[in-house]
Amino acid sequence: MEKKLQLGILLTTILLLTIFIPSVFAAGPPVVAPPPPPGGGLPPCWEPGPCIPIDGGISLLFAAGLALGGRKLSKSSKKDEQ
């Protein structure tokens, strides 16, 4: 039973690292606004792009998955003890 739990923790850790580490490196350097044009004119219209808030939903989905996995693991370990 203990070996099964260790394997589950190892696989979960590998999965999380596989998901989150590439996203840190894929972000790239910060975006810098272009300098104003010479002669004191107005700067060109420049925006970094739309901001899409996806963190809230993904965090809830991730937490629900962890809770469900923990519940199933708990039930599985209780069956093995009997």
Protein backbone atom coordinates (compact mmCIF):
# COMPACT_ATOMS: atom_id res chain seq x y z
CA MET A 1 0.00 0.00 0.00
CA GLU A 2 2.78 2.42 0.87
CA LYS A 3 4.48 1.72 -2.43
CA LYS A 4 1.23 2.55 -4.28
CA LEU A 5 0.98 5.89 -2.44
CA GLN A 6 4.59 6.76 -3.23
CA LEU A 7 4.02 5.95 -6.89
CA GLY A 8 0.91 8.18 -6.94
CA ILE A 9 2.80 11.07 -5.35
CA LEU A 10 5.67 10.64 -7.80
CA LEU A 11 3.37 10.57 -10.82
CA THR A 12 1.44 13.61 -9.58
CA THR A 13 4.66 15.54 -9.04
CA ILE A 14 5.93 14.66 -12.52
CA LEU A 15 2.60 15.67 -14.05
CA LEU A 16 2.58 19.03 -12.26
CA LEU A 17 6.17 19.77 -13.23
CA THR A 18 5.41 18.81 -16.83
CA ILE A 19 2.51 21.25 -16.90
CA PHE A 20 3.91 24.24 -15.01
CA ILE A 21 7.65 24.37 -15.80
CA PRO A 22 7.27 24.92 -19.59
CA SER A 23 4.76 27.71 -19.02
CA VAL A 24 7.33 29.61 -16.95
CA PHE A 25 9.90 29.48 -19.74
CA ALA A 26 7.39 30.08 -22.55
CA ALA A 27 6.44 33.49 -21.17
CA GLY A 28 9.50 35.11 -22.76
CA PRO A 29 10.91 38.54 -21.99
CA PRO A 30 8.60 41.33 -20.85
CA VAL A 31 7.02 43.47 -23.58
CA VAL A 32 8.29 47.04 -23.70
CA ALA A 33 6.36 49.91 -25.29
CA PRO A 34 8.04 51.48 -28.35
CA PRO A 35 9.66 54.86 -27.86
CA PRO A 36 7.74 57.99 -28.93
CA PRO A 37 8.43 59.24 -32.46
CA PRO A 38 11.08 61.90 -32.93
CA GLY A 39 9.86 65.47 -33.15
CA GLY A 40 7.41 65.32 -30.24
CA GLY A 41 4.44 63.82 -32.09
CA LEU A 42 1.90 61.52 -30.53
CA PRO A 43 3.04 57.93 -29.97
CA PRO A 44 1.51 55.26 -32.20
CA CYS A 45 -1.47 53.32 -30.95
CA TRP A 46 0.05 50.34 -29.20
CA GLU A 47 -1.55 47.90 -26.81
CA PRO A 48 -0.13 44.63 -25.47
CA GLY A 49 -3.29 42.71 -26.34
CA PRO A 50 -6.44 41.62 -24.61
CA CYS A 51 -6.19 40.39 -21.03
CA ILE A 52 -8.08 37.14 -20.66
CA PRO A 53 -8.64 36.09 -17.04
CA ILE A 54 -8.43 32.29 -17.12
CA ASP A 55 -6.85 31.76 -13.71
CA GLY A 56 -10.05 31.53 -11.64
CA GLY A 57 -11.72 28.73 -13.56
CA ILE A 58 -8.58 26.69 -14.04
CA SER A 59 -7.71 26.96 -10.35
CA LEU A 60 -11.15 25.71 -9.35
CA LEU A 61 -10.97 22.85 -11.82
CA PHE A 62 -7.52 21.90 -10.57
CA ALA A 63 -8.67 21.99 -6.92
CA ALA A 64 -11.72 19.84 -7.74
CA GLY A 65 -9.48 17.30 -9.48
CA LEU A 66 -7.14 17.16 -6.51
CA ALA A 67 -10.06 16.68 -4.12
CA LEU A 68 -11.55 13.90 -6.24
CA GLY A 69 -8.18 12.16 -6.59
CA GLY A 70 -7.57 12.40 -2.84
CA ARG A 71 -10.99 10.96 -2.10
CA LYS A 72 -10.47 8.04 -4.48
CA LEU A 73 -6.99 7.40 -3.08
CA SER A 74 -8.39 7.45 0.46
CA LYS A 75 -11.15 5.00 -0.41
CA SER A 76 -8.66 2.75 -2.21
CA SER A 77 -6.31 2.67 0.77
CA LYS A 78 -9.19 1.87 3.15
CA LYS A 79 -10.20 -1.12 0.96
CA ASP A 80 -6.59 -2.39 0.97
CA GLU A 81 -6.46 -2.29 4.80
CA GLN A 82 -9.57 -4.46 5.21
